[in-house]
PDB file of N, CA and C in Angstrom:
ATOM      1  N   MET A   1       4.385 -30.859  55.750  1.00  0.00           N
ATOM      2  CA  MET A   1       4.867 -32.217  55.692  1.00  0.00           C
ATOM      3  C   MET A   1       4.894 -32.756  54.505  1.00  0.00           C
ATOM      4  N   LYS A   2       5.993 -32.925  53.908  1.00  0.00           N
ATOM      5  CA  LYS A   2       5.700 -33.374  52.363  1.00  0.00           C
ATOM      6  C   LYS A   2       5.019 -35.112  52.613  1.00  0.00           C
ATOM      7  N   ASP A   3       4.439 -35.394  51.689  1.00  0.00           N
ATOM      8  CA  ASP A   3       4.198 -36.940  51.326  1.00  0.00           C
ATOM      9  C   ASP A   3       5.137 -38.094  51.023  1.00  0.00           C
ATOM     10  N   PRO A   4       5.685 -38.965  51.885  1.00  0.00           N
ATOM     11  CA  PRO A   4       6.594 -39.549  52.040  1.00  0.00           C
ATOM     12  C   PRO A   4       6.498 -40.327  50.155  1.00  0.00           C
ATOM     13  N   LYS A   5       5.284 -40.309  49.587  1.00  0.00           N
ATOM     14  CA  LYS A   5       5.075 -40.969  47.979  1.00  0.00           C
ATOM     15  C   LYS A   5       5.910 -40.058  47.225  1.00  0.00           C
ATOM     16  N   ASP A   6       5.739 -38.725  47.870  1.00  0.00           N
ATOM     17  CA  ASP A   6       6.511 -37.816  46.907  1.00  0.00           C
ATOM     18  C   ASP A   6       7.974 -37.828  46.663  1.00  0.00           C
ATOM     19  N   SER A   7       8.568 -38.229  47.875  1.00  0.00           N
ATOM     20  CA  SER A   7       9.793 -37.717  48.196  1.00  0.00           C
ATOM     21  C   SER A   7      10.526 -39.666  47.081  1.00  0.00           C
ATOM     22  N   VAL A   8      11.575 -39.639  46.358  1.00  0.00           N
ATOM     23  CA  VAL A   8      12.195 -40.497  45.886  1.00  0.00           C
ATOM     24  C   VAL A   8      13.636 -40.787  46.544  1.00  0.00           C
ATOM     25  N   ASN A   9      13.531 -42.477  46.728  1.00  0.00           N
ATOM     26  CA  ASN A   9      14.835 -42.300  47.419  1.00  0.00           C
ATOM     27  C   ASN A   9      16.046 -41.798  46.644  1.00  0.00           C
ATOM     28  N   LEU A  10      16.772 -40.827  46.647  1.00  0.00           N
ATOM     29  CA  LEU A  10      17.988 -40.725  45.838  1.00  0.00           C
ATOM     30  C   LEU A  10      19.393 -42.122  45.780  1.00  0.00           C
ATOM     31  N   GLU A  11      19.178 -42.393  47.120  1.00  0.00           N
ATOM     32  CA  GLU A  11      20.185 -43.636  46.845  1.00  0.00           C
ATOM     33  C   GLU A  11      19.780 -45.043  46.229  1.00  0.00           C
ATOM     34  N   LYS A  12      18.481 -44.905  46.269  1.00  0.00           N
ATOM     35  CA  LYS A  12      18.130 -45.791  45.433  1.00  0.00           C
ATOM     36  C   LYS A  12      18.242 -45.655  44.073  1.00  0.00           C
ATOM     37  N   LEU A  13      18.228 -44.489  43.365  1.00  0.00           N
ATOM     38  CA  LEU A  13      18.286 -43.959  42.140  1.00  0.00           C
ATOM     39  C   LEU A  13      19.507 -44.129  41.686  1.00  0.00           C
ATOM     40  N   ARG A  14      20.619 -43.796  42.951  1.00  0.00           N
ATOM     41  CA  ARG A  14      21.967 -44.041  42.525  1.00  0.00           C
ATOM     42  C   ARG A  14      22.213 -45.248  42.126  1.00  0.00           C
ATOM     43  N   LYS A  15      21.762 -46.109  42.896  1.00  0.00           N
ATOM     44  CA  LYS A  15      22.227 -47.548  42.673  1.00  0.00           C
ATOM     45  C   LYS A  15      21.579 -48.131  41.718  1.00  0.00           C
ATOM     46  N   LYS A  16      20.327 -47.519  40.885  1.00  0.00           N
ATOM     47  CA  LYS A  16      19.999 -47.874  39.850  1.00  0.00           C
ATOM     48  C   LYS A  16      20.706 -47.490  38.908  1.00  0.00           C
ATOM     49  N   ILE A  17      21.158 -46.125  38.505  1.00  0.00           N
ATOM     50  CA  ILE A  17      22.066 -45.657  37.465  1.00  0.00           C
ATOM     51  C   ILE A  17      23.396 -46.501  37.529  1.00  0.00           C
ATOM     52  N   LEU A  18      24.047 -46.928  38.910  1.00  0.00           N
ATOM     53  CA  LEU A  18      24.904 -47.378  38.554  1.00  0.00           C
ATOM     54  C   LEU A  18      25.120 -49.141  38.392  1.00  0.00           C
ATOM     55  N   LYS A  19      24.276 -49.251  38.293  1.00  0.00           N
ATOM     56  CA  LYS A  19      23.518 -50.941  37.541  1.00  0.00           C
ATOM     57  C   LYS A  19      23.592 -50.642  36.351  1.00  0.00           C
ATOM     58  N   LYS A  20      23.064 -50.080  35.683  1.00  0.00           N
ATOM     59  CA  LYS A  20      23.394 -49.835  33.965  1.00  0.00           C
ATOM     60  C   LYS A  20      24.937 -49.378  33.733  1.00  0.00           C
ATOM     61  N   TYR A  21      25.215 -48.571  34.806  1.00  0.00           N
ATOM     62  CA  TYR A  21      26.863 -48.587  33.986  1.00  0.00           C
ATOM     63  C   TYR A  21      27.756 -49.373  35.233  1.00  0.00           C
ATOM     64  N   LYS A  22      27.746 -50.656  34.887  1.00  0.00           N
ATOM     65  CA  LYS A  22      28.687 -51.390  35.506  1.00  0.00           C
ATOM     66  C   LYS A  22      30.143 -51.080  35.999  1.00  0.00           C
ATOM     67  N   TRP A  23      30.838 -50.578  35.174  1.00  0.00           N
ATOM     68  CA  TRP A  23      32.169 -49.975  35.006  1.00  0.00           C
ATOM     69  C   TRP A  23      32.358 -48.661  36.489  1.00  0.00           C
ATOM     70  N   GLY A  24      31.152 -47.781  36.123  1.00  0.00           N
ATOM     71  CA  GLY A  24      31.385 -46.752  36.905  1.00  0.00           C
ATOM     72  C   GLY A  24      31.873 -45.556  36.717  1.00  0.00           C
ATOM     73  N   PHE A  25      32.423 -45.744  35.001  1.00  0.00           N
ATOM     74  CA  PHE A  25      33.274 -45.023  34.289  1.00  0.00           C
ATOM     75  C   PHE A  25      32.339 -43.840  33.588  1.00  0.00           C
ATOM     76  N   ILE A  26      31.507 -43.158  34.423  1.00  0.00           N
ATOM     77  CA  ILE A  26      30.811 -42.056  33.562  1.00  0.00           C
ATOM     78  C   ILE A  26      31.270 -40.445  34.197  1.00  0.00           C
ATOM     79  N   THR A  27      31.052 -39.750  32.961  1.00  0.00           N
ATOM     80  CA  THR A  27      31.163 -38.382  33.706  1.00  0.00           C
ATOM     81  C   THR A  27      30.108 -37.600  34.762  1.00  0.00           C
ATOM     82  N   LEU A  28      30.291 -36.964  35.467  1.00  0.00           N
ATOM     83  CA  LEU A  28      29.337 -36.047  36.668  1.00  0.00           C
ATOM     84  C   LEU A  28      28.136 -35.731  35.621  1.00  0.00           C
ATOM     85  N   ASP A  29      28.363 -35.097  34.453  1.00  0.00           N
ATOM     86  CA  ASP A  29      27.364 -34.766  33.551  1.00  0.00           C
ATOM     87  C   ASP A  29      26.078 -35.955  33.118  1.00  0.00           C
ATOM     88  N   GLU A  30      26.608 -36.932  32.961  1.00  0.00           N
ATOM     89  CA  GLU A  30      26.239 -37.841  32.597  1.00  0.00           C
ATOM     90  C   GLU A  30      25.538 -38.891  33.473  1.00  0.00           C
ATOM     91  N   PHE A  31      26.029 -38.687  34.806  1.00  0.00           N
ATOM     92  CA  PHE A  31      25.495 -38.963  36.215  1.00  0.00           C
ATOM     93  C   PHE A  31      24.308 -38.338  36.318  1.00  0.00           C
ATOM     94  N   MET A  32      24.067 -37.000  36.119  1.00  0.00           N
ATOM     95  CA  MET A  32      23.268 -35.851  36.579  1.00  0.00           C
ATOM     96  C   MET A  32      22.282 -36.372  35.458  1.00  0.00           C
ATOM     97  N   GLU A  33      22.477 -36.442  34.208  1.00  0.00           N
ATOM     98  CA  GLU A  33      21.573 -36.411  33.281  1.00  0.00           C
ATOM     99  C   GLU A  33      20.557 -37.734  33.578  1.00  0.00           C
ATOM    100  N   GLN A  34      21.404 -38.950  33.844  1.00  0.00           N
ATOM    101  CA  GLN A  34      20.877 -40.337  34.081  1.00  0.00           C
ATOM    102  C   GLN A  34      19.863 -39.771  35.519  1.00  0.00           C
ATOM    103  N   LEU A  35      20.475 -39.223  36.565  1.00  0.00           N
ATOM    104  CA  LEU A  35      19.566 -39.042  37.733  1.00  0.00           C
ATOM    105  C   LEU A  35      18.392 -38.445  37.369  1.00  0.00           C
ATOM    106  N   SER A  36      18.395 -37.433  36.432  1.00  0.00           N
ATOM    107  CA  SER A  36      16.912 -36.744  36.236  1.00  0.00           C
ATOM    108  C   SER A  36      16.184 -37.629  35.427  1.00  0.00           C
ATOM    109  N   LYS A  37      16.718 -38.067  34.671  1.00  0.00           N
ATOM    110  CA  LYS A  37      15.728 -38.977  33.749  1.00  0.00           C
ATOM    111  C   LYS A  37      15.083 -40.559  34.606  1.00  0.00           C
ATOM    112  N   THR A  38      16.220 -40.611  35.597  1.00  0.00           N
ATOM    113  CA  THR A  38      15.634 -41.595  36.687  1.00  0.00           C
ATOM    114  C   THR A  38      14.760 -41.233  37.313  1.00  0.00           C
ATOM    115  N   TYR A  39      15.022 -40.212  37.527  1.00  0.00           N
ATOM    116  CA  TYR A  39      13.937 -39.401  38.915  1.00  0.00           C
ATOM    117  C   TYR A  39      12.890 -39.523  38.386  1.00  0.00           C
ATOM    118  N   ARG A  40      12.515 -38.928  37.151  1.00  0.00           N
ATOM    119  CA  ARG A  40      11.146 -38.608  36.372  1.00  0.00           C
ATOM    120  C   ARG A  40      10.437 -39.614  36.102  1.00  0.00           C
ATOM    121  N   GLU A  41      11.401 -41.065  35.720  1.00  0.00           N
ATOM    122  CA  GLU A  41      10.571 -42.188  35.556  1.00  0.00           C
ATOM    123  C   GLU A  41      10.002 -42.834  36.945  1.00  0.00           C
ATOM    124  N   GLU A  42      10.921 -42.559  38.022  1.00  0.00           N
ATOM    125  CA  GLU A  42      10.483 -43.036  39.280  1.00  0.00           C
ATOM    126  C   GLU A  42       9.477 -42.259  39.594  1.00  0.00           C
ATOM    127  N   LYS A  43       8.969 -41.053  39.574  1.00  0.00           N
ATOM    128  CA  LYS A  43       7.976 -40.461  39.872  1.00  0.00           C
ATOM    129  C   LYS A  43       6.830 -40.558  39.004  1.00  0.00           C
ATOM    130  N   THR A  44       6.941 -41.060  37.656  1.00  0.00           N
ATOM    131  CA  THR A  44       5.845 -41.417  36.822  1.00  0.00           C
ATOM    132  C   THR A  44       5.064 -42.696  37.188  1.00  0.00           C
ATOM    133  N   SER A  45       6.301 -43.402  37.579  1.00  0.00           N
ATOM    134  CA  SER A  45       5.732 -44.879  37.905  1.00  0.00           C
ATOM    135  C   SER A  45       5.663 -45.431  39.434  1.00  0.00           C
ATOM    136  N   HIS A  46       5.631 -44.239  40.417  1.00  0.00           N
ATOM    137  CA  HIS A  46       5.701 -44.145  41.541  1.00  0.00           C
ATOM    138  C   HIS A  46       4.112 -44.272  41.868  1.00  0.00           C
ATOM    139  N   THR A  47       3.700 -45.614  41.716  1.00  0.00           N
ATOM    140  CA  THR A  47       2.083 -45.946  42.353  1.00  0.00           C
ATOM    141  C   THR A  47       1.999 -46.452  43.812  1.00  0.00           C
ATOM    142  N   THR A  48       3.027 -47.293  43.871  1.00  0.00           N
ATOM    143  CA  THR A  48       2.686 -48.244  45.487  1.00  0.00           C
ATOM    144  C   THR A  48       4.249 -48.032  46.046  1.00  0.00           C
ATOM    145  N   GLN A  49       4.186 -47.939  47.082  1.00  0.00           N
ATOM    146  CA  GLN A  49       5.377 -48.000  48.066  1.00  0.00           C
ATOM    147  C   GLN A  49       5.654 -49.460  48.324  1.00  0.00           C
ATOM    148  N   THR A  50       6.441 -50.155  47.412  1.00  0.00           N
ATOM    149  CA  THR A  50       6.483 -51.765  47.771  1.00  0.00           C
ATOM    150  C   THR A  50       8.147 -51.771  48.391  1.00  0.00           C
ATOM    151  N   GLY A  51       9.181 -51.026  47.640  1.00  0.00           N
ATOM    152  CA  GLY A  51      10.565 -51.145  48.118  1.00  0.00           C
ATOM    153  C   GLY A  51      11.058 -51.914  46.949  1.00  0.00           C
ATOM    154  N   GLY A  52      10.249 -52.853  46.246  1.00  0.00           N
ATOM    155  CA  GLY A  52      10.825 -53.696  45.561  1.00  0.00           C
ATOM    156  C   GLY A  52      11.453 -53.039  43.843  1.00  0.00           C
ATOM    157  N   ASP A  53      12.383 -53.519  42.923  1.00  0.00           N
ATOM    158  CA  ASP A  53      12.291 -53.097  41.839  1.00  0.00           C
ATOM    159  C   ASP A  53      11.534 -53.523  40.704  1.00  0.00           C
ATOM    160  N   THR A  54      10.683 -52.342  40.286  1.00  0.00           N
ATOM    161  CA  THR A  54       9.902 -53.040  39.099  1.00  0.00           C
ATOM    162  C   THR A  54      10.306 -52.509  37.699  1.00  0.00           C
ATOM    163  N   GLU A  55       9.848 -53.549  36.876  1.00  0.00           N
ATOM    164  CA  GLU A  55      10.317 -52.740  35.296  1.00  0.00           C
ATOM    165  C   GLU A  55       9.290 -51.901  35.227  1.00  0.00           C
ATOM    166  N   THR A  56       9.826 -50.889  34.490  1.00  0.00           N
ATOM    167  CA  THR A  56       9.161 -49.408  34.055  1.00  0.00           C
ATOM    168  C   THR A  56       9.161 -49.754  32.271  1.00  0.00           C
ATOM    169  N   PRO A  57       7.863 -49.282  31.954  1.00  0.00           N
ATOM    170  CA  PRO A  57       7.433 -49.111  30.298  1.00  0.00           C
ATOM    171  C   PRO A  57       8.736 -48.717  29.662  1.00  0.00           C
ATOM    172  N   PHE A  58       9.251 -47.905  30.288  1.00  0.00           N
ATOM    173  CA  PHE A  58      10.077 -46.936  29.681  1.00  0.00           C
ATOM    174  C   PHE A  58      11.772 -47.703  28.755  1.00  0.00           C
ATOM    175  N   GLY A  59      12.114 -49.055  29.741  1.00  0.00           N
ATOM    176  CA  GLY A  59      12.868 -49.806  29.168  1.00  0.00           C
ATOM    177  C   GLY A  59      14.379 -49.316  30.106  1.00  0.00           C
TER     178      GLY A  59
END
């Protein structure tokens, strides 16, 4: 069984990405690119499971 800290909530990532693109008019390619980028940021900054949005040093 996987450690829950290893799994990143995709719905949370999706909302985070859509927050950056308030109008929502992005292509699937752009979305997937942002998803993978945001996923990497989440994995690297994922030290505590607080559930709150924390600012990452990546901007």
